[in-house]
Amino acid sequence: MAEVPRQNGRPVFLEAATGRTLLEKPEELTHLHGNVLVPKTHPRIALRGKLDSLSAGFLETEVLADERGEKKLAEELEELRSAVLALIRAEVLEEPAEQTPLLGLTSAQIRQQSHDIKHTLGIDHPMPDYRMGSLPIALNTLRTLVRETELAAAAAFEENGSCTRPDMVERLNRLSSCVYILYCRKVAGCAKGGAE
């Protein structure tokens, strides 16, 4: 991250919208990067909030999985949460998003498995139902949080009809697919008489 310039020992900020130089950071503005300030309603700031909420959603679901004795699922969710934390870093530092495997699957494998659940798990795409129990429903809710974050990223990085950060959007899309795979695995396990 770029160092904030100083004048007479005090930080100097730049308001992105106007190009104005400011010697104090107003409360209604926040850091986009370095010394550049934007309104707190800026799409990238909104994306940061969604990423933060998404990390919290992963933690909540991990706790539920752990409380149910689903250690492997809790560990898989932690792996995915780590990918969210890497996205936060990549967005703030304006670095490329990691495209490492998730759940031991490449991007192409994640896409294939999530699109062909019948072939992957032997079940149809499951529709959420309260009778599934709290853990599958929590996974489905988490999947929707990832999707909302993906949409926020698409909006934050849209310029003149093009996406300036397809790496971020694709990574979020694959995270959504990973959570969907975990949800479907859980539903398939319950359908075969496995524990909730």
C-alpha atoms as a PDB file:
ATOM      1  CA  MET A   1       0.000   0.000   0.000  1.00  0.00           C
ATOM      2  CA  ALA A   2       1.338   3.437  -0.921  1.00  0.00           C
ATOM      3  CA  GLU A   3       2.538   5.631   1.901  1.00  0.00           C
ATOM      4  CA  VAL A   4       0.394   8.680   2.646  1.00  0.00           C
ATOM      5  CA  PRO A   5       2.244  11.897   1.680  1.00  0.00           C
ATOM      6  CA  ARG A   6       2.910  14.396   4.472  1.00  0.00           C
ATOM      7  CA  GLN A   7       3.051  18.171   4.680  1.00  0.00           C
ATOM      8  CA  ASN A   8       4.661  19.711   7.769  1.00  0.00           C
ATOM      9  CA  GLY A   9       4.499  16.276   9.401  1.00  0.00           C
ATOM     10  CA  ARG A  10       0.750  15.890   8.775  1.00  0.00           C
ATOM     11  CA  PRO A  11      -0.854  13.523   6.264  1.00  0.00           C
ATOM     12  CA  VAL A  12      -2.153  15.012   3.034  1.00  0.00           C
ATOM     13  CA  PHE A  13      -5.220  13.369   1.496  1.00  0.00           C
ATOM     14  CA  LEU A  14      -6.687  13.543  -1.985  1.00  0.00           C
ATOM     15  CA  GLU A  15     -10.458  13.529  -2.498  1.00  0.00           C
ATOM     16  CA  ALA A  16     -10.954  11.266  -5.502  1.00  0.00           C
ATOM     17  CA  ALA A  17     -14.138  12.890  -6.809  1.00  0.00           C
ATOM     18  CA  THR A  18     -12.871  16.479  -6.810  1.00  0.00           C
ATOM     19  CA  GLY A  19      -9.083  16.190  -6.755  1.00  0.00           C
ATOM     20  CA  ARG A  20      -9.093  18.450  -3.673  1.00  0.00           C
ATOM     21  CA  THR A  21      -6.199  18.225  -1.247  1.00  0.00           C
ATOM     22  CA  LEU A  22      -7.243  17.803   2.383  1.00  0.00           C
ATOM     23  CA  LEU A  23      -5.136  18.057   5.521  1.00  0.00           C
ATOM     24  CA  GLU A  24      -7.718  16.167   7.586  1.00  0.00           C
ATOM     25  CA  LYS A  25      -9.813  13.153   6.692  1.00  0.00           C
ATOM     26  CA  PRO A  26     -13.509  14.022   6.970  1.00  0.00           C
ATOM     27  CA  GLU A  27     -15.712  11.412   8.692  1.00  0.00           C
ATOM     28  CA  GLU A  28     -17.882  10.971   5.588  1.00  0.00           C
ATOM     29  CA  LEU A  29     -14.867   9.885   3.506  1.00  0.00           C
ATOM     30  CA  THR A  30     -12.696   6.786   3.785  1.00  0.00           C
ATOM     31  CA  HIS A  31      -9.518   5.397   2.237  1.00  0.00           C
ATOM     32  CA  LEU A  32      -9.805   3.796  -1.177  1.00  0.00           C
ATOM     33  CA  HIS A  33      -6.035   3.272  -1.313  1.00  0.00           C
ATOM     34  CA  GLY A  34      -3.032   5.200  -0.061  1.00  0.00           C
ATOM     35  CA  ASN A  35      -4.045   8.813   0.500  1.00  0.00           C
ATOM     36  CA  VAL A  36      -7.043   8.697  -1.870  1.00  0.00           C
ATOM     37  CA  LEU A  37     -10.386   9.269  -0.151  1.00  0.00           C
ATOM     38  CA  VAL A  38     -13.859   8.386  -1.409  1.00  0.00           C
ATOM     39  CA  PRO A  39     -17.372   8.539   0.075  1.00  0.00           C
ATOM     40  CA  LYS A  40     -18.293   5.583   2.267  1.00  0.00           C
ATOM     41  CA  THR A  41     -20.985   4.777  -0.312  1.00  0.00           C
ATOM     42  CA  HIS A  42     -18.377   4.153  -3.045  1.00  0.00           C
ATOM     43  CA  PRO A  43     -18.963   0.746  -4.727  1.00  0.00           C
ATOM     44  CA  ARG A  44     -15.546  -0.571  -3.692  1.00  0.00           C
ATOM     45  CA  ILE A  45     -16.183   0.393  -0.076  1.00  0.00           C
ATOM     46  CA  ALA A  46     -19.569  -1.355  -0.307  1.00  0.00           C
ATOM     47  CA  LEU A  47     -17.734  -4.427  -1.665  1.00  0.00           C
ATOM     48  CA  ARG A  48     -15.343  -4.343   1.299  1.00  0.00           C
ATOM     49  CA  GLY A  49     -18.344  -4.380   3.611  1.00  0.00           C
ATOM     50  CA  LYS A  50     -19.818  -7.359   1.754  1.00  0.00           C
ATOM     51  CA  LEU A  51     -16.497  -9.226   1.937  1.00  0.00           C
ATOM     52  CA  ASP A  52     -16.328  -8.541   5.672  1.00  0.00           C
ATOM     53  CA  SER A  53     -19.905  -9.790   6.148  1.00  0.00           C
ATOM     54  CA  LEU A  54     -19.095 -12.833   4.036  1.00  0.00           C
ATOM     55  CA  SER A  55     -16.132 -13.701   6.242  1.00  0.00           C
ATOM     56  CA  ALA A  56     -18.439 -13.428   9.268  1.00  0.00           C
ATOM     57  CA  GLY A  57     -20.997 -15.684   7.542  1.00  0.00           C
ATOM     58  CA  PHE A  58     -18.338 -18.318   6.963  1.00  0.00           C
ATOM     59  CA  LEU A  59     -17.351 -18.156  10.637  1.00  0.00           C
ATOM     60  CA  GLU A  60     -20.954 -18.596  11.792  1.00  0.00           C
ATOM     61  CA  THR A  61     -21.381 -21.630   9.563  1.00  0.00           C
ATOM     62  CA  GLU A  62     -18.038 -23.053  10.709  1.00  0.00           C
ATOM     63  CA  VAL A  63     -19.173 -22.787  14.342  1.00  0.00           C
ATOM     64  CA  LEU A  64     -22.424 -24.581  13.510  1.00  0.00           C
ATOM     65  CA  ALA A  65     -20.548 -27.337  11.671  1.00  0.00           C
ATOM     66  CA  ASP A  66     -18.096 -27.713  14.552  1.00  0.00           C
ATOM     67  CA  GLU A  67     -20.911 -27.860  17.108  1.00  0.00           C
ATOM     68  CA  ARG A  68     -22.527 -30.652  15.045  1.00  0.00           C
ATOM     69  CA  GLY A  69     -19.288 -32.629  15.037  1.00  0.00           C
ATOM     70  CA  GLU A  70     -18.712 -31.914  11.340  1.00  0.00           C
ATOM     71  CA  LYS A  71     -14.962 -31.242  11.677  1.00  0.00           C
ATOM     72  CA  LYS A  72     -14.152 -31.867   8.008  1.00  0.00           C
ATOM     73  CA  LEU A  73     -16.880 -29.475   6.888  1.00  0.00           C
ATOM     74  CA  ALA A  74     -15.672 -26.832   9.372  1.00  0.00           C
ATOM     75  CA  GLU A  75     -12.149 -27.179   7.956  1.00  0.00           C
ATOM     76  CA  GLU A  76     -13.418 -26.909   4.359  1.00  0.00           C
ATOM     77  CA  LEU A  77     -15.345 -23.771   5.281  1.00  0.00           C
ATOM     78  CA  GLU A  78     -12.235 -22.326   6.925  1.00  0.00           C
ATOM     79  CA  GLU A  79     -10.310 -22.958   3.705  1.00  0.00           C
ATOM     80  CA  LEU A  80     -12.959 -21.015   1.791  1.00  0.00           C
ATOM     81  CA  ARG A  81     -12.992 -18.235   4.401  1.00  0.00           C
ATOM     82  CA  SER A  82      -9.219 -17.940   3.963  1.00  0.00           C
ATOM     83  CA  ALA A  83      -9.878 -17.368   0.259  1.00  0.00           C
ATOM     84  CA  VAL A  84     -12.275 -14.543   1.207  1.00  0.00           C
ATOM     85  CA  LEU A  85      -9.570 -12.978   3.400  1.00  0.00           C
ATOM     86  CA  ALA A  86      -7.150 -13.223   0.459  1.00  0.00           C
ATOM     87  CA  LEU A  87      -9.718 -11.414  -1.710  1.00  0.00           C
ATOM     88  CA  ILE A  88      -9.992  -8.635   0.865  1.00  0.00           C
ATOM     89  CA  ARG A  89      -6.217  -8.223   0.738  1.00  0.00           C
ATOM     90  CA  ALA A  90      -6.130  -8.347  -3.071  1.00  0.00           C
ATOM     91  CA  GLU A  91      -8.848  -5.704  -3.342  1.00  0.00           C
ATOM     92  CA  VAL A  92      -7.327  -3.281  -0.829  1.00  0.00           C
ATOM     93  CA  LEU A  93      -3.773  -3.659  -2.157  1.00  0.00           C
ATOM     94  CA  GLU A  94      -4.978  -3.773  -5.779  1.00  0.00           C
ATOM     95  CA  GLU A  95      -3.181  -7.082  -6.365  1.00  0.00           C
ATOM     96  CA  PRO A  96      -4.339 -10.003  -8.527  1.00  0.00           C
ATOM     97  CA  ALA A  97      -6.722 -12.375  -6.759  1.00  0.00           C
ATOM     98  CA  GLU A  98      -5.295 -15.817  -5.990  1.00  0.00           C
ATOM     99  CA  GLN A  99      -6.596 -18.525  -8.284  1.00  0.00           C
ATOM    100  CA  THR A 100      -5.367 -21.507  -6.263  1.00  0.00           C
ATOM    101  CA  PRO A 101      -7.434 -24.714  -6.015  1.00  0.00           C
ATOM    102  CA  LEU A 102     -10.332 -24.750  -3.553  1.00  0.00           C
ATOM    103  CA  LEU A 103     -11.482 -27.948  -1.834  1.00  0.00           C
ATOM    104  CA  GLY A 104      -8.753 -29.688  -3.859  1.00  0.00           C
ATOM    105  CA  LEU A 105     -10.473 -28.702  -7.114  1.00  0.00           C
ATOM    106  CA  THR A 106      -9.318 -26.527  -9.992  1.00  0.00           C
ATOM    107  CA  SER A 107     -11.537 -23.712 -11.225  1.00  0.00           C
ATOM    108  CA  ALA A 108     -12.728 -25.880 -14.121  1.00  0.00           C
ATOM    109  CA  GLN A 109     -13.483 -28.828 -11.808  1.00  0.00           C
ATOM    110  CA  ILE A 110     -15.441 -26.611  -9.413  1.00  0.00           C
ATOM    111  CA  ARG A 111     -17.509 -25.322 -12.287  1.00  0.00           C
ATOM    112  CA  GLN A 112     -18.130 -28.788 -13.724  1.00  0.00           C
ATOM    113  CA  GLN A 113     -19.091 -30.350 -10.385  1.00  0.00           C
ATOM    114  CA  SER A 114     -21.433 -27.531  -9.359  1.00  0.00           C
ATOM    115  CA  HIS A 115     -23.206 -27.583 -12.715  1.00  0.00           C
ATOM    116  CA  ASP A 116     -23.600 -31.367 -12.857  1.00  0.00           C
ATOM    117  CA  ILE A 117     -24.655 -32.354  -9.332  1.00  0.00           C
ATOM    118  CA  LYS A 118     -26.536 -35.379 -10.666  1.00  0.00           C
ATOM    119  CA  HIS A 119     -23.321 -36.828 -12.077  1.00  0.00           C
ATOM    120  CA  THR A 120     -21.173 -35.639  -9.147  1.00  0.00           C
ATOM    121  CA  LEU A 121     -23.385 -36.727  -6.233  1.00  0.00           C
ATOM    122  CA  GLY A 122     -26.240 -38.712  -7.737  1.00  0.00           C
ATOM    123  CA  ILE A 123     -28.939 -36.222  -6.702  1.00  0.00           C
ATOM    124  CA  ASP A 124     -30.930 -33.563  -8.515  1.00  0.00           C
ATOM    125  CA  HIS A 125     -30.196 -29.917  -7.748  1.00  0.00           C
ATOM    126  CA  PRO A 126     -31.778 -29.661  -4.269  1.00  0.00           C
ATOM    127  CA  MET A 127     -34.371 -27.033  -3.435  1.00  0.00           C
ATOM    128  CA  PRO A 128     -33.931 -25.675   0.103  1.00  0.00           C
ATOM    129  CA  ASP A 129     -36.520 -26.939   2.560  1.00  0.00           C
ATOM    130  CA  TYR A 130     -36.727 -26.464   6.323  1.00  0.00           C
ATOM    131  CA  ARG A 131     -36.834 -30.229   6.799  1.00  0.00           C
ATOM    132  CA  MET A 132     -33.214 -30.422   5.635  1.00  0.00           C
ATOM    133  CA  GLY A 133     -32.133 -29.106   9.023  1.00  0.00           C
ATOM    134  CA  SER A 134     -30.069 -26.172  10.163  1.00  0.00           C
ATOM    135  CA  LEU A 135     -26.686 -27.063   8.659  1.00  0.00           C
ATOM    136  CA  PRO A 136     -27.790 -27.499   5.024  1.00  0.00           C
ATOM    137  CA  ILE A 137     -29.928 -24.355   5.337  1.00  0.00           C
ATOM    138  CA  ALA A 138     -26.956 -22.431   6.787  1.00  0.00           C
ATOM    139  CA  LEU A 139     -24.835 -23.581   3.824  1.00  0.00           C
ATOM    140  CA  ASN A 140     -27.510 -22.433   1.397  1.00  0.00           C
ATOM    141  CA  THR A 141     -27.690 -19.042   3.129  1.00  0.00           C
ATOM    142  CA  LEU A 142     -23.899 -18.779   2.963  1.00  0.00           C
ATOM    143  CA  ARG A 143     -24.046 -19.537  -0.767  1.00  0.00           C
ATOM    144  CA  THR A 144     -26.431 -16.593  -1.235  1.00  0.00           C
ATOM    145  CA  LEU A 145     -24.052 -14.320   0.705  1.00  0.00           C
ATOM    146  CA  VAL A 146     -21.220 -15.266  -1.634  1.00  0.00           C
ATOM    147  CA  ARG A 147     -23.460 -14.560  -4.628  1.00  0.00           C
ATOM    148  CA  GLU A 148     -24.406 -11.121  -3.239  1.00  0.00           C
ATOM    149  CA  THR A 149     -20.709 -10.374  -2.756  1.00  0.00           C
ATOM    150  CA  GLU A 150     -19.987 -11.467  -6.321  1.00  0.00           C
ATOM    151  CA  LEU A 151     -22.635  -9.037  -7.588  1.00  0.00           C
ATOM    152  CA  ALA A 152     -21.140  -6.251  -5.445  1.00  0.00           C
ATOM    153  CA  ALA A 153     -17.734  -6.988  -6.995  1.00  0.00           C
ATOM    154  CA  ALA A 154     -19.181  -6.902 -10.502  1.00  0.00           C
ATOM    155  CA  ALA A 155     -20.732  -3.499  -9.731  1.00  0.00           C
ATOM    156  CA  ALA A 156     -17.596  -2.157  -8.033  1.00  0.00           C
ATOM    157  CA  PHE A 157     -15.348  -3.053 -10.956  1.00  0.00           C
ATOM    158  CA  GLU A 158     -17.669  -2.148 -13.833  1.00  0.00           C
ATOM    159  CA  GLU A 159     -16.308   0.609 -16.071  1.00  0.00           C
ATOM    160  CA  ASN A 160     -17.917   1.524 -19.376  1.00  0.00           C
ATOM    161  CA  GLY A 161     -19.608  -1.860 -19.669  1.00  0.00           C
ATOM    162  CA  SER A 162     -16.443  -3.859 -18.937  1.00  0.00           C
ATOM    163  CA  CYS A 163     -15.176  -5.535 -15.796  1.00  0.00           C
ATOM    164  CA  THR A 164     -11.784  -4.231 -14.654  1.00  0.00           C
ATOM    165  CA  ARG A 165     -11.254  -7.077 -12.160  1.00  0.00           C
ATOM    166  CA  PRO A 166     -12.542 -10.301 -13.714  1.00  0.00           C
ATOM    167  CA  ASP A 167     -10.156 -12.177 -11.403  1.00  0.00           C
ATOM    168  CA  MET A 168     -12.123 -11.016  -8.334  1.00  0.00           C
ATOM    169  CA  VAL A 169     -15.501 -11.780  -9.887  1.00  0.00           C
ATOM    170  CA  GLU A 170     -14.413 -15.231 -11.080  1.00  0.00           C
ATOM    171  CA  ARG A 171     -12.941 -16.133  -7.680  1.00  0.00           C
ATOM    172  CA  LEU A 172     -16.192 -15.161  -5.948  1.00  0.00           C
ATOM    173  CA  ASN A 173     -18.146 -17.167  -8.514  1.00  0.00           C
ATOM    174  CA  ARG A 174     -16.033 -20.236  -7.750  1.00  0.00           C
ATOM    175  CA  LEU A 175     -16.440 -19.655  -3.998  1.00  0.00           C
ATOM    176  CA  SER A 176     -20.208 -19.630  -4.507  1.00  0.00           C
ATOM    177  CA  SER A 177     -19.950 -22.880  -6.456  1.00  0.00           C
ATOM    178  CA  CYS A 178     -17.798 -24.426  -3.700  1.00  0.00           C
ATOM    179  CA  VAL A 179     -20.378 -23.597  -1.051  1.00  0.00           C
ATOM    180  CA  TYR A 180     -23.070 -25.020  -3.329  1.00  0.00           C
ATOM    181  CA  ILE A 181     -21.053 -28.240  -3.654  1.00  0.00           C
ATOM    182  CA  LEU A 182     -20.745 -28.458   0.158  1.00  0.00           C
ATOM    183  CA  TYR A 183     -24.506 -27.828   0.485  1.00  0.00           C
ATOM    184  CA  CYS A 184     -25.298 -30.549  -2.057  1.00  0.00           C
ATOM    185  CA  ARG A 185     -22.893 -32.978  -0.383  1.00  0.00           C
ATOM    186  CA  LYS A 186     -24.664 -32.353   2.936  1.00  0.00           C
ATOM    187  CA  VAL A 187     -28.102 -32.822   1.379  1.00  0.00           C
ATOM    188  CA  ALA A 188     -26.948 -36.012  -0.379  1.00  0.00           C
ATOM    189  CA  GLY A 189     -25.561 -37.311   2.927  1.00  0.00           C
ATOM    190  CA  CYS A 190     -28.821 -36.553   4.738  1.00  0.00           C
ATOM    191  CA  ALA A 191     -30.818 -38.218   1.962  1.00  0.00           C
ATOM    192  CA  LYS A 192     -28.716 -41.369   2.447  1.00  0.00           C
ATOM    193  CA  GLY A 193     -29.387 -41.337   6.179  1.00  0.00           C
ATOM    194  CA  GLY A 194     -26.276 -39.415   7.254  1.00  0.00           C
ATOM    195  CA  ALA A 195     -26.248 -37.092  10.265  1.00  0.00           C
ATOM    196  CA  GLU A 196     -27.527 -33.552   9.817  1.00  0.00           C
END
